[in-house]
Amino acid sequence: MKEATMPVDTHPSPEKKQTAERPDRKKIADHLDGASNPEAIDTNIPDPVMECENVDVYYGKFRAVSGVNLKFARNDITALIGPSGCGKSTLLRSLNRMNDLVDGARVEGKVTFHGEDIYGPDVDAIEVRRRVGMVFQKPNPFPKSIYDNIAYGPRVVGMKVSMDDLVEEALTRAALWDEVKDKLKQSAYGLSGGQQQRLCIARTIAVKPEVILMDEPCSALDPIATMRIEDLMQELSQDYAIIIVTHNMQQAARVANRTAFFTALASEQTGDRTGVLVEYGSTSTLFQNPRDRRTEDYVAGRFG
C-alpha cells in the first residue's frame, strides 16, 4: 500500500415508554431494496481516510451487511450503533480484513484506505492490519511480559527503532507508562482488566497505524476503567481516526464526532437478518434531530 501523507438521555421514562408510539415496521421497509435512506447519510467528508462504497459482507450465502456507503474522517471518532445483529462488528472487521480469517466470509463493493482498495489483488492484508489496527471487545494480552506485548508487533514488521523508546512512547500514549514502568518484565496477565485494555491499545499504536478500530472496547470494564478508555480515545483522536462499535448510546454521545446508525431487516422468505445503514452524520444531529424515523425510534428506546 502506498504511504499516506500525512450526553443525551436516550431512554424515556417508564411512563413515556408505555405511551410511546411503536415504529411501523412495514412502513419502514418491506424488503432490503431502498432500506437505507440516502438523504440521512452525510457524504460531505472531504479527503476521508477510509471509505466504504456499496459494501456487502457475506458469510457463505448469508448476506450479513448490505449496501453500506460510509466515509470516515481523519482525526475523528466515529461510532457505529444499532441493535444486536445489525452488522456493526461485521462491517468493522471488514475495514482491516479481519474477516479474511473467517471461512466463507467475503466482501463485495469497495473499501478504500487513502483511495486504495484494501481488497485489491496486490494488497498485503498484513500491511492493511498494520495501518488499520484493531482493539477487541475483551482485553487479549499475549502470554508475554508487558514489554514484549508492546515490542512484538514492531519486531514482526521489522521496524528499525529503539525498542525501549518505542515501548515507553506507546505505553505513555496509552496512559499506562506511570503504572507499569517498574514492572515491564512482569506478565501482562497480572494487570487489571482496564490496564490490560490500555495495554492492547498501546500494542496497537506501537506499529504506527493511522486508523484504530475498537469493537466494544469498554463492554467488559467497570465505569472507572471505561472513563479512562473514553478519555484516552479523545486524546488519541488528535493523531488517529478512531472507529468504535458500541451498544452504549450514552458512550457514543460522549465520545463520537460522528455516528452511524444501523438496523437489521429480516427476510420474509428465510428470516435471515441483514444489516443496513440507516443514518450517518454528526453525533449531535443524529441524537437530537435525527433525519430518519427509525433512528428516532431507536435512540428513544422504542426498539433494540
C-alpha atoms as a PDB file:
ATOM      1  CA  MET A   1       0.000   0.000   0.000  1.00  0.00           C
ATOM      2  CA  LYS A   2       1.279   3.440  -0.782  1.00  0.00           C
ATOM      3  CA  GLU A   3       2.487   5.611   2.080  1.00  0.00           C
ATOM      4  CA  ALA A   4      -0.077   8.167   3.232  1.00  0.00           C
ATOM      5  CA  THR A   5       0.694  11.825   3.543  1.00  0.00           C
ATOM      6  CA  MET A   6       0.131  12.943   6.365  1.00  0.00           C
ATOM      7  CA  PRO A   7     -24.802  13.268  26.799  1.00  0.00           C
ATOM      8  CA  VAL A   8     -28.009  12.816  25.862  1.00  0.00           C
ATOM      9  CA  ASP A   9     -30.669  10.902  27.879  1.00  0.00           C
ATOM     10  CA  THR A  10     -31.743   8.466  25.188  1.00  0.00           C
ATOM     11  CA  HIS A  11     -34.031   6.353  27.348  1.00  0.00           C
ATOM     12  CA  PRO A  12     -37.530   7.722  28.026  1.00  0.00           C
ATOM     13  CA  SER A  13     -39.061   7.366  31.461  1.00  0.00           C
ATOM     14  CA  PRO A  14     -41.207   4.248  32.127  1.00  0.00           C
ATOM     15  CA  GLU A  15     -44.330   6.396  31.780  1.00  0.00           C
ATOM     16  CA  LYS A  16     -43.256   7.589  28.363  1.00  0.00           C
ATOM     17  CA  LYS A  17     -42.312   4.090  27.269  1.00  0.00           C
ATOM     18  CA  GLN A  18     -45.842   2.899  27.907  1.00  0.00           C
ATOM     19  CA  THR A  19     -47.342   5.538  25.632  1.00  0.00           C
ATOM     20  CA  ALA A  20     -44.530   5.775  23.054  1.00  0.00           C
ATOM     21  CA  GLU A  21     -45.692   5.065  19.537  1.00  0.00           C
ATOM     22  CA  ARG A  22     -44.314   1.811  18.183  1.00  0.00           C
ATOM     23  CA  PRO A  23     -42.472   2.059  14.861  1.00  0.00           C
ATOM     24  CA  ASP A  24     -44.451   0.877  11.856  1.00  0.00           C
ATOM     25  CA  ARG A  25     -42.044  -1.763  10.597  1.00  0.00           C
ATOM     26  CA  LYS A  26     -43.986  -2.360   7.386  1.00  0.00           C
ATOM     27  CA  LYS A  27     -43.853   1.364   6.665  1.00  0.00           C
ATOM     28  CA  ILE A  28     -40.130   1.457   7.452  1.00  0.00           C
ATOM     29  CA  ALA A  29     -39.224  -1.184   4.878  1.00  0.00           C
ATOM     30  CA  ASP A  30     -40.777  -4.288   3.391  1.00  0.00           C
ATOM     31  CA  HIS A  31     -37.517  -5.570   1.924  1.00  0.00           C
ATOM     32  CA  LEU A  32     -33.846  -4.734   1.578  1.00  0.00           C
ATOM     33  CA  ASP A  33     -34.162  -2.595  -1.541  1.00  0.00           C
ATOM     34  CA  GLY A  34     -34.298   1.048  -0.550  1.00  0.00           C
ATOM     35  CA  ALA A  35     -33.857   0.291   3.165  1.00  0.00           C
ATOM     36  CA  SER A  36     -31.053   2.813   3.509  1.00  0.00           C
ATOM     37  CA  ASN A  37     -32.070   6.459   3.434  1.00  0.00           C
ATOM     38  CA  PRO A  38     -29.599   8.356   1.210  1.00  0.00           C
ATOM     39  CA  GLU A  39     -30.955  11.701   2.431  1.00  0.00           C
ATOM     40  CA  ALA A  40     -29.983  10.771   6.004  1.00  0.00           C
ATOM     41  CA  ILE A  41     -26.398   9.769   5.165  1.00  0.00           C
ATOM     42  CA  ASP A  42     -23.788  12.526   5.258  1.00  0.00           C
ATOM     43  CA  THR A  43     -21.354  12.235   2.360  1.00  0.00           C
ATOM     44  CA  ASN A  44     -19.794  15.687   2.784  1.00  0.00           C
ATOM     45  CA  ILE A  45     -16.493  14.481   4.237  1.00  0.00           C
ATOM     46  CA  PRO A  46     -13.584  15.805   2.161  1.00  0.00           C
ATOM     47  CA  ASP A  47     -10.465  13.654   1.841  1.00  0.00           C
ATOM     48  CA  PRO A  48     -11.654  10.738   4.025  1.00  0.00           C
ATOM     49  CA  VAL A  49      -9.049   8.364   5.421  1.00  0.00           C
ATOM     50  CA  MET A  50     -11.301   5.367   4.670  1.00  0.00           C
ATOM     51  CA  GLU A  51     -14.427   4.857   2.607  1.00  0.00           C
ATOM     52  CA  CYS A  52     -16.989   2.112   2.018  1.00  0.00           C
ATOM     53  CA  GLU A  53     -18.672   2.083  -1.376  1.00  0.00           C
ATOM     54  CA  ASN A  54     -21.704  -0.190  -1.788  1.00  0.00           C
ATOM     55  CA  VAL A  55     -20.221  -2.714   0.627  1.00  0.00           C
ATOM     56  CA  ASP A  56     -21.920  -6.079   1.147  1.00  0.00           C
ATOM     57  CA  VAL A  57     -20.457  -8.640   3.544  1.00  0.00           C
ATOM     58  CA  TYR A  58     -21.337 -12.315   3.217  1.00  0.00           C
ATOM     59  CA  TYR A  59     -20.782 -15.436   5.272  1.00  0.00           C
ATOM     60  CA  GLY A  60     -21.286 -18.117   2.662  1.00  0.00           C
ATOM     61  CA  LYS A  61     -24.672 -17.369   1.073  1.00  0.00           C
ATOM     62  CA  PHE A  62     -25.837 -15.291   4.040  1.00  0.00           C
ATOM     63  CA  ARG A  63     -25.639 -11.542   3.466  1.00  0.00           C
ATOM     64  CA  ALA A  64     -24.799 -10.013   6.848  1.00  0.00           C
ATOM     65  CA  VAL A  65     -24.433  -6.393   5.682  1.00  0.00           C
ATOM     66  CA  SER A  66     -25.960  -4.764   2.617  1.00  0.00           C
ATOM     67  CA  GLY A  67     -25.125  -1.696   0.546  1.00  0.00           C
ATOM     68  CA  VAL A  68     -23.089   0.361   3.017  1.00  0.00           C
ATOM     69  CA  ASN A  69     -21.746   3.725   1.874  1.00  0.00           C
ATOM     70  CA  LEU A  70     -19.668   5.498   4.523  1.00  0.00           C
ATOM     71  CA  LYS A  71     -16.785   7.955   4.655  1.00  0.00           C
ATOM     72  CA  PHE A  72     -14.541   8.125   7.723  1.00  0.00           C
ATOM     73  CA  ALA A  73     -12.851  11.418   8.529  1.00  0.00           C
ATOM     74  CA  ARG A  74      -9.296  11.890   9.740  1.00  0.00           C
ATOM     75  CA  ASN A  75      -8.820  12.738  13.411  1.00  0.00           C
ATOM     76  CA  ASP A  76     -12.450  11.951  14.174  1.00  0.00           C
ATOM     77  CA  ILE A  77     -14.138   9.390  16.391  1.00  0.00           C
ATOM     78  CA  THR A  78     -16.931   7.624  14.521  1.00  0.00           C
ATOM     79  CA  ALA A  79     -19.386   5.458  16.456  1.00  0.00           C
ATOM     80  CA  LEU A  80     -21.345   2.592  14.878  1.00  0.00           C
ATOM     81  CA  ILE A  81     -24.554   1.942  16.811  1.00  0.00           C
ATOM     82  CA  GLY A  82     -27.643  -0.191  16.371  1.00  0.00           C
ATOM     83  CA  PRO A  83     -29.450  -3.243  17.739  1.00  0.00           C
ATOM     84  CA  SER A  84     -27.775  -6.630  18.077  1.00  0.00           C
ATOM     85  CA  GLY A  85     -27.381  -8.457  14.785  1.00  0.00           C
ATOM     86  CA  CYS A  86     -27.313  -5.361  12.572  1.00  0.00           C
ATOM     87  CA  GLY A  87     -23.801  -5.981  11.247  1.00  0.00           C
ATOM     88  CA  LYS A  88     -21.810  -3.309  13.115  1.00  0.00           C
ATOM     89  CA  SER A  89     -18.948  -5.613  14.138  1.00  0.00           C
ATOM     90  CA  THR A  90     -19.042  -7.422  10.801  1.00  0.00           C
ATOM     91  CA  LEU A  91     -18.551  -4.121   8.979  1.00  0.00           C
ATOM     92  CA  LEU A  92     -15.831  -3.046  11.417  1.00  0.00           C
ATOM     93  CA  ARG A  93     -13.857  -6.243  10.784  1.00  0.00           C
ATOM     94  CA  SER A  94     -14.127  -5.698   7.053  1.00  0.00           C
ATOM     95  CA  LEU A  95     -12.248  -2.400   7.430  1.00  0.00           C
ATOM     96  CA  ASN A  96      -8.943  -4.162   8.113  1.00  0.00           C
ATOM     97  CA  ARG A  97      -9.652  -7.533   6.514  1.00  0.00           C
ATOM     98  CA  MET A  98     -10.120  -9.428   9.764  1.00  0.00           C
ATOM     99  CA  ASN A  99     -12.999 -11.224   8.053  1.00  0.00           C
ATOM    100  CA  ASP A 100     -10.402 -12.856   5.792  1.00  0.00           C
ATOM    101  CA  LEU A 101      -9.750 -15.196   8.721  1.00  0.00           C
ATOM    102  CA  VAL A 102     -13.375 -16.435   8.748  1.00  0.00           C
ATOM    103  CA  ASP A 103     -14.188 -19.368   6.455  1.00  0.00           C
ATOM    104  CA  GLY A 104     -16.721 -18.401   3.814  1.00  0.00           C
ATOM    105  CA  ALA A 105     -16.563 -14.670   4.502  1.00  0.00           C
ATOM    106  CA  ARG A 106     -16.285 -12.305   1.555  1.00  0.00           C
ATOM    107  CA  VAL A 107     -16.690  -8.605   0.902  1.00  0.00           C
ATOM    108  CA  GLU A 108     -18.287  -7.143  -2.201  1.00  0.00           C
ATOM    109  CA  GLY A 109     -18.117  -3.489  -3.134  1.00  0.00           C
ATOM    110  CA  LYS A 110     -15.117  -1.363  -2.279  1.00  0.00           C
ATOM    111  CA  VAL A 111     -13.293  -0.482   0.953  1.00  0.00           C
ATOM    112  CA  THR A 112     -10.587   2.109   0.408  1.00  0.00           C
ATOM    113  CA  PHE A 113      -7.757   3.451   2.548  1.00  0.00           C
ATOM    114  CA  HIS A 114      -6.427   6.748   1.175  1.00  0.00           C
ATOM    115  CA  GLY A 115      -8.250   5.895  -2.048  1.00  0.00           C
ATOM    116  CA  GLU A 116      -6.686   2.443  -2.479  1.00  0.00           C
ATOM    117  CA  ASP A 117      -8.897  -0.653  -2.427  1.00  0.00           C
ATOM    118  CA  ILE A 118      -7.714  -2.736   0.538  1.00  0.00           C
ATOM    119  CA  TYR A 119      -9.126  -5.867  -1.127  1.00  0.00           C
ATOM    120  CA  GLY A 120      -7.133  -5.282  -4.297  1.00  0.00           C
ATOM    121  CA  PRO A 121      -5.194  -8.270  -5.668  1.00  0.00           C
ATOM    122  CA  ASP A 122      -1.776  -6.780  -4.904  1.00  0.00           C
ATOM    123  CA  VAL A 123      -2.568  -5.551  -1.387  1.00  0.00           C
ATOM    124  CA  ASP A 124      -0.943  -7.285   1.589  1.00  0.00           C
ATOM    125  CA  ALA A 125      -3.561  -7.970   4.286  1.00  0.00           C
ATOM    126  CA  ILE A 126      -0.862  -7.868   6.991  1.00  0.00           C
ATOM    127  CA  GLU A 127       0.126  -4.367   5.930  1.00  0.00           C
ATOM    128  CA  VAL A 128      -3.546  -3.353   5.950  1.00  0.00           C
ATOM    129  CA  ARG A 129      -3.816  -4.521   9.566  1.00  0.00           C
ATOM    130  CA  ARG A 130      -0.696  -2.552  10.491  1.00  0.00           C
ATOM    131  CA  ARG A 131      -2.149   0.642   9.042  1.00  0.00           C
ATOM    132  CA  VAL A 132      -5.649  -0.079  10.386  1.00  0.00           C
ATOM    133  CA  GLY A 133      -5.289  -1.537  13.890  1.00  0.00           C
ATOM    134  CA  MET A 134      -7.904  -3.348  15.963  1.00  0.00           C
ATOM    135  CA  VAL A 135      -8.776  -3.367  19.666  1.00  0.00           C
ATOM    136  CA  PHE A 136     -11.194  -6.124  20.607  1.00  0.00           C
ATOM    137  CA  GLN A 137     -14.128  -6.355  22.980  1.00  0.00           C
ATOM    138  CA  LYS A 138     -12.263  -8.208  25.709  1.00  0.00           C
ATOM    139  CA  PRO A 139      -8.631  -7.428  26.563  1.00  0.00           C
ATOM    140  CA  ASN A 140      -6.420 -10.022  24.898  1.00  0.00           C
ATOM    141  CA  PRO A 141      -2.810  -9.505  26.021  1.00  0.00           C
ATOM    142  CA  PHE A 142      -0.267 -12.018  24.761  1.00  0.00           C
ATOM    143  CA  PRO A 143       1.151 -14.519  27.295  1.00  0.00           C
ATOM    144  CA  LYS A 144       4.278 -12.412  27.484  1.00  0.00           C
ATOM    145  CA  SER A 145       5.725  -9.629  29.581  1.00  0.00           C
ATOM    146  CA  ILE A 146       4.293  -6.131  29.397  1.00  0.00           C
ATOM    147  CA  TYR A 147       7.403  -5.058  27.463  1.00  0.00           C
ATOM    148  CA  ASP A 148       7.193  -7.911  24.967  1.00  0.00           C
ATOM    149  CA  ASN A 149       3.485  -7.301  24.346  1.00  0.00           C
ATOM    150  CA  ILE A 150       4.368  -3.854  23.005  1.00  0.00           C
ATOM    151  CA  ALA A 151       7.569  -4.884  21.225  1.00  0.00           C
ATOM    152  CA  TYR A 152       6.064  -7.910  19.479  1.00  0.00           C
ATOM    153  CA  GLY A 153       4.394  -6.064  16.580  1.00  0.00           C
ATOM    154  CA  PRO A 154       7.305  -3.752  15.763  1.00  0.00           C
ATOM    155  CA  ARG A 155       9.659  -6.740  15.776  1.00  0.00           C
ATOM    156  CA  VAL A 156       7.428  -8.753  13.445  1.00  0.00           C
ATOM    157  CA  VAL A 157       7.142  -5.943  10.899  1.00  0.00           C
ATOM    158  CA  GLY A 158      10.858  -5.149  11.178  1.00  0.00           C
ATOM    159  CA  MET A 159      10.674  -1.594  12.473  1.00  0.00           C
ATOM    160  CA  LYS A 160      14.182  -0.166  12.852  1.00  0.00           C
ATOM    161  CA  VAL A 161      13.785   1.852  16.028  1.00  0.00           C
ATOM    162  CA  SER A 162      14.994   1.963  19.608  1.00  0.00           C
ATOM    163  CA  MET A 163      12.666  -0.633  21.110  1.00  0.00           C
ATOM    164  CA  ASP A 164      12.980   0.770  24.619  1.00  0.00           C
ATOM    165  CA  ASP A 165      11.942   4.212  23.399  1.00  0.00           C
ATOM    166  CA  LEU A 166       9.085   2.791  21.343  1.00  0.00           C
ATOM    167  CA  VAL A 167       7.719   0.780  24.269  1.00  0.00           C
ATOM    168  CA  GLU A 168       7.824   3.823  26.519  1.00  0.00           C
ATOM    169  CA  GLU A 169       6.189   6.022  23.882  1.00  0.00           C
ATOM    170  CA  ALA A 170       3.346   3.564  23.232  1.00  0.00           C
ATOM    171  CA  LEU A 171       2.660   2.996  26.929  1.00  0.00           C
ATOM    172  CA  THR A 172       2.757   6.742  27.556  1.00  0.00           C
ATOM    173  CA  ARG A 173       0.306   7.415  24.713  1.00  0.00           C
ATOM    174  CA  ALA A 174      -1.983   4.781  26.235  1.00  0.00           C
ATOM    175  CA  ALA A 175      -1.798   6.448  29.672  1.00  0.00           C
ATOM    176  CA  LEU A 176      -0.211   3.346  31.177  1.00  0.00           C
ATOM    177  CA  TRP A 177       3.510   4.106  31.479  1.00  0.00           C
ATOM    178  CA  ASP A 178       3.463   5.523  35.002  1.00  0.00           C
ATOM    179  CA  GLU A 179       1.570   2.460  36.250  1.00  0.00           C
ATOM    180  CA  VAL A 180       3.851  -0.185  34.723  1.00  0.00           C
ATOM    181  CA  LYS A 181       7.282   1.371  34.168  1.00  0.00           C
ATOM    182  CA  ASP A 182       8.744  -0.501  37.149  1.00  0.00           C
ATOM    183  CA  LYS A 183       7.344  -3.907  36.146  1.00  0.00           C
ATOM    184  CA  LEU A 184       7.854  -4.112  32.392  1.00  0.00           C
ATOM    185  CA  LYS A 185       9.262  -7.641  32.621  1.00  0.00           C
ATOM    186  CA  GLN A 186       6.268  -8.946  34.560  1.00  0.00           C
ATOM    187  CA  SER A 187       3.434 -10.869  32.881  1.00  0.00           C
ATOM    188  CA  ALA A 188       0.728  -8.777  31.276  1.00  0.00           C
ATOM    189  CA  TYR A 189      -1.780 -11.131  32.865  1.00  0.00           C
ATOM    190  CA  GLY A 190      -1.045  -9.501  36.213  1.00  0.00           C
ATOM    191  CA  LEU A 191      -2.672  -6.237  35.118  1.00  0.00           C
ATOM    192  CA  SER A 192      -6.273  -5.297  35.874  1.00  0.00           C
ATOM    193  CA  GLY A 193      -8.879  -5.520  33.105  1.00  0.00           C
ATOM    194  CA  GLY A 194      -8.737  -1.804  32.414  1.00  0.00           C
ATOM    195  CA  GLN A 195      -4.945  -1.836  32.361  1.00  0.00           C
ATOM    196  CA  GLN A 196      -4.949  -4.817  30.000  1.00  0.00           C
ATOM    197  CA  GLN A 197      -7.234  -2.962  27.591  1.00  0.00           C
ATOM    198  CA  ARG A 198      -4.953   0.077  27.646  1.00  0.00           C
ATOM    199  CA  LEU A 199      -2.030  -2.302  27.061  1.00  0.00           C
ATOM    200  CA  CYS A 200      -3.833  -3.630  23.989  1.00  0.00           C
ATOM    201  CA  ILE A 201      -4.316  -0.051  22.769  1.00  0.00           C
ATOM    202  CA  ALA A 202      -0.607   0.610  23.340  1.00  0.00           C
ATOM    203  CA  ARG A 203       0.225  -2.579  21.433  1.00  0.00           C
ATOM    204  CA  THR A 204      -1.937  -1.362  18.539  1.00  0.00           C
ATOM    205  CA  ILE A 205      -0.380   2.102  18.284  1.00  0.00           C
ATOM    206  CA  ALA A 206       3.169   0.731  18.621  1.00  0.00           C
ATOM    207  CA  VAL A 207       3.161  -0.233  14.922  1.00  0.00           C
ATOM    208  CA  LYS A 208       2.152   3.305  13.898  1.00  0.00           C
ATOM    209  CA  PRO A 209      -1.322   2.836  12.398  1.00  0.00           C
ATOM    210  CA  GLU A 210      -3.446   5.667  11.041  1.00  0.00           C
ATOM    211  CA  VAL A 211      -6.817   4.172  11.943  1.00  0.00           C
ATOM    212  CA  ILE A 212      -7.805   2.381  15.151  1.00  0.00           C
ATOM    213  CA  LEU A 213     -10.865   0.124  15.136  1.00  0.00           C
ATOM    214  CA  MET A 214     -12.466  -0.609  18.518  1.00  0.00           C
ATOM    215  CA  ASP A 215     -15.102  -3.320  18.909  1.00  0.00           C
ATOM    216  CA  GLU A 216     -16.996  -2.510  22.118  1.00  0.00           C
ATOM    217  CA  PRO A 217     -13.720  -1.845  23.976  1.00  0.00           C
ATOM    218  CA  CYS A 218     -15.398  -0.955  27.279  1.00  0.00           C
ATOM    219  CA  SER A 219     -18.096  -3.640  27.487  1.00  0.00           C
ATOM    220  CA  ALA A 220     -16.063  -5.778  29.906  1.00  0.00           C
ATOM    221  CA  LEU A 221     -14.827  -2.872  32.040  1.00  0.00           C
ATOM    222  CA  ASP A 222     -16.097  -1.127  35.158  1.00  0.00           C
ATOM    223  CA  PRO A 223     -17.249   2.526  34.983  1.00  0.00           C
ATOM    224  CA  ILE A 224     -13.921   3.981  36.151  1.00  0.00           C
ATOM    225  CA  ALA A 225     -11.912   1.959  33.619  1.00  0.00           C
ATOM    226  CA  THR A 226     -14.470   2.885  30.951  1.00  0.00           C
ATOM    227  CA  MET A 227     -13.990   6.584  31.695  1.00  0.00           C
ATOM    228  CA  ARG A 228     -10.224   6.236  31.318  1.00  0.00           C
ATOM    229  CA  ILE A 229     -10.603   4.496  27.952  1.00  0.00           C
ATOM    230  CA  GLU A 230     -13.016   7.192  26.755  1.00  0.00           C
ATOM    231  CA  ASP A 231     -10.598   9.935  27.829  1.00  0.00           C
ATOM    232  CA  LEU A 232      -7.824   8.087  26.025  1.00  0.00           C
ATOM    233  CA  MET A 233      -9.880   7.878  22.827  1.00  0.00           C
ATOM    234  CA  GLN A 234     -10.344  11.636  22.869  1.00  0.00           C
ATOM    235  CA  GLU A 235      -6.585  12.153  23.226  1.00  0.00           C
ATOM    236  CA  LEU A 236      -5.694   9.622  20.527  1.00  0.00           C
ATOM    237  CA  SER A 237      -8.144  11.139  18.042  1.00  0.00           C
ATOM    238  CA  GLN A 238      -5.745  14.068  17.694  1.00  0.00           C
ATOM    239  CA  ASP A 239      -3.461  11.722  15.739  1.00  0.00           C
ATOM    240  CA  TYR A 240      -5.661   8.834  14.600  1.00  0.00           C
ATOM    241  CA  ALA A 241      -9.044   8.179  13.065  1.00  0.00           C
ATOM    242  CA  ILE A 242     -10.979   6.016  15.540  1.00  0.00           C
ATOM    243  CA  ILE A 243     -13.989   3.894  14.583  1.00  0.00           C
ATOM    244  CA  ILE A 244     -15.822   2.330  17.505  1.00  0.00           C
ATOM    245  CA  VAL A 245     -18.694  -0.144  17.759  1.00  0.00           C
ATOM    246  CA  THR A 246     -20.729   0.420  20.896  1.00  0.00           C
ATOM    247  CA  HIS A 247     -24.064  -0.720  22.316  1.00  0.00           C
ATOM    248  CA  ASN A 248     -23.894   2.159  24.795  1.00  0.00           C
ATOM    249  CA  MET A 249     -25.637   5.145  23.217  1.00  0.00           C
ATOM    250  CA  GLN A 250     -24.518   7.442  26.030  1.00  0.00           C
ATOM    251  CA  GLN A 251     -20.929   6.475  25.237  1.00  0.00           C
ATOM    252  CA  ALA A 252     -21.440   7.323  21.574  1.00  0.00           C
ATOM    253  CA  ALA A 253     -22.919  10.683  22.586  1.00  0.00           C
ATOM    254  CA  ARG A 254     -19.958  11.387  24.882  1.00  0.00           C
ATOM    255  CA  VAL A 255     -17.026  10.498  22.647  1.00  0.00           C
ATOM    256  CA  ALA A 256     -18.019  10.427  18.968  1.00  0.00           C
ATOM    257  CA  ASN A 257     -17.817  13.280  16.483  1.00  0.00           C
ATOM    258  CA  ARG A 258     -19.963  11.326  14.015  1.00  0.00           C
ATOM    259  CA  THR A 259     -22.339   8.412  14.467  1.00  0.00           C
ATOM    260  CA  ALA A 260     -23.727   5.828  12.055  1.00  0.00           C
ATOM    261  CA  PHE A 261     -26.958   4.032  12.928  1.00  0.00           C
ATOM    262  CA  PHE A 262     -27.563   0.543  11.548  1.00  0.00           C
ATOM    263  CA  THR A 263     -30.608  -1.652  11.805  1.00  0.00           C
ATOM    264  CA  ALA A 264     -31.390  -5.222  10.772  1.00  0.00           C
ATOM    265  CA  LEU A 265     -34.112  -6.264   8.338  1.00  0.00           C
ATOM    266  CA  ALA A 266     -35.409  -9.831   8.257  1.00  0.00           C
ATOM    267  CA  SER A 267     -36.031 -11.655   5.005  1.00  0.00           C
ATOM    268  CA  GLU A 268     -39.666 -12.723   4.665  1.00  0.00           C
ATOM    269  CA  GLN A 269     -38.515 -15.900   2.945  1.00  0.00           C
ATOM    270  CA  THR A 270     -35.727 -17.111   5.265  1.00  0.00           C
ATOM    271  CA  GLY A 271     -35.905 -14.934   8.363  1.00  0.00           C
ATOM    272  CA  ASP A 272     -32.212 -14.074   7.956  1.00  0.00           C
ATOM    273  CA  ARG A 273     -31.374 -10.631   9.327  1.00  0.00           C
ATOM    274  CA  THR A 274     -29.271  -8.323   7.156  1.00  0.00           C
ATOM    275  CA  GLY A 275     -27.700  -5.140   8.474  1.00  0.00           C
ATOM    276  CA  VAL A 276     -28.302  -1.852   6.668  1.00  0.00           C
ATOM    277  CA  LEU A 277     -27.036   1.661   7.274  1.00  0.00           C
ATOM    278  CA  VAL A 278     -29.955   3.984   8.070  1.00  0.00           C
ATOM    279  CA  GLU A 279     -28.396   7.299   9.048  1.00  0.00           C
ATOM    280  CA  TYR A 280     -24.936   8.863   9.341  1.00  0.00           C
ATOM    281  CA  GLY A 281     -23.945  12.327  10.424  1.00  0.00           C
ATOM    282  CA  SER A 282     -22.789  14.453  13.312  1.00  0.00           C
ATOM    283  CA  THR A 283     -23.480  12.840  16.668  1.00  0.00           C
ATOM    284  CA  SER A 284     -25.414  15.836  17.964  1.00  0.00           C
ATOM    285  CA  THR A 285     -27.724  15.837  14.931  1.00  0.00           C
ATOM    286  CA  LEU A 286     -28.296  12.094  14.996  1.00  0.00           C
ATOM    287  CA  PHE A 287     -29.275  12.067  18.678  1.00  0.00           C
ATOM    288  CA  GLN A 288     -31.116  15.372  18.917  1.00  0.00           C
ATOM    289  CA  ASN A 289     -32.614  15.869  15.463  1.00  0.00           C
ATOM    290  CA  PRO A 290     -32.449  12.588  13.508  1.00  0.00           C
ATOM    291  CA  ARG A 291     -33.442  12.651   9.864  1.00  0.00           C
ATOM    292  CA  ASP A 292     -34.935   9.145   9.749  1.00  0.00           C
ATOM    293  CA  ARG A 293     -37.852   7.888  11.835  1.00  0.00           C
ATOM    294  CA  ARG A 294     -36.073   4.604  12.550  1.00  0.00           C
ATOM    295  CA  THR A 295     -33.161   6.469  14.115  1.00  0.00           C
ATOM    296  CA  GLU A 296     -35.541   8.483  16.265  1.00  0.00           C
ATOM    297  CA  ASP A 297     -37.288   5.307  17.453  1.00  0.00           C
ATOM    298  CA  TYR A 298     -34.007   3.611  18.290  1.00  0.00           C
ATOM    299  CA  VAL A 299     -32.400   6.444  20.239  1.00  0.00           C
ATOM    300  CA  ALA A 300     -35.687   6.951  22.105  1.00  0.00           C
ATOM    301  CA  GLY A 301     -35.528   3.324  23.235  1.00  0.00           C
ATOM    302  CA  ARG A 302     -38.657   2.164  21.376  1.00  0.00           C
ATOM    303  CA  PHE A 303     -36.849  -0.856  19.930  1.00  0.00           C
ATOM    304  CA  GLY A 304     -33.453  -2.520  20.014  1.00  0.00           C
END
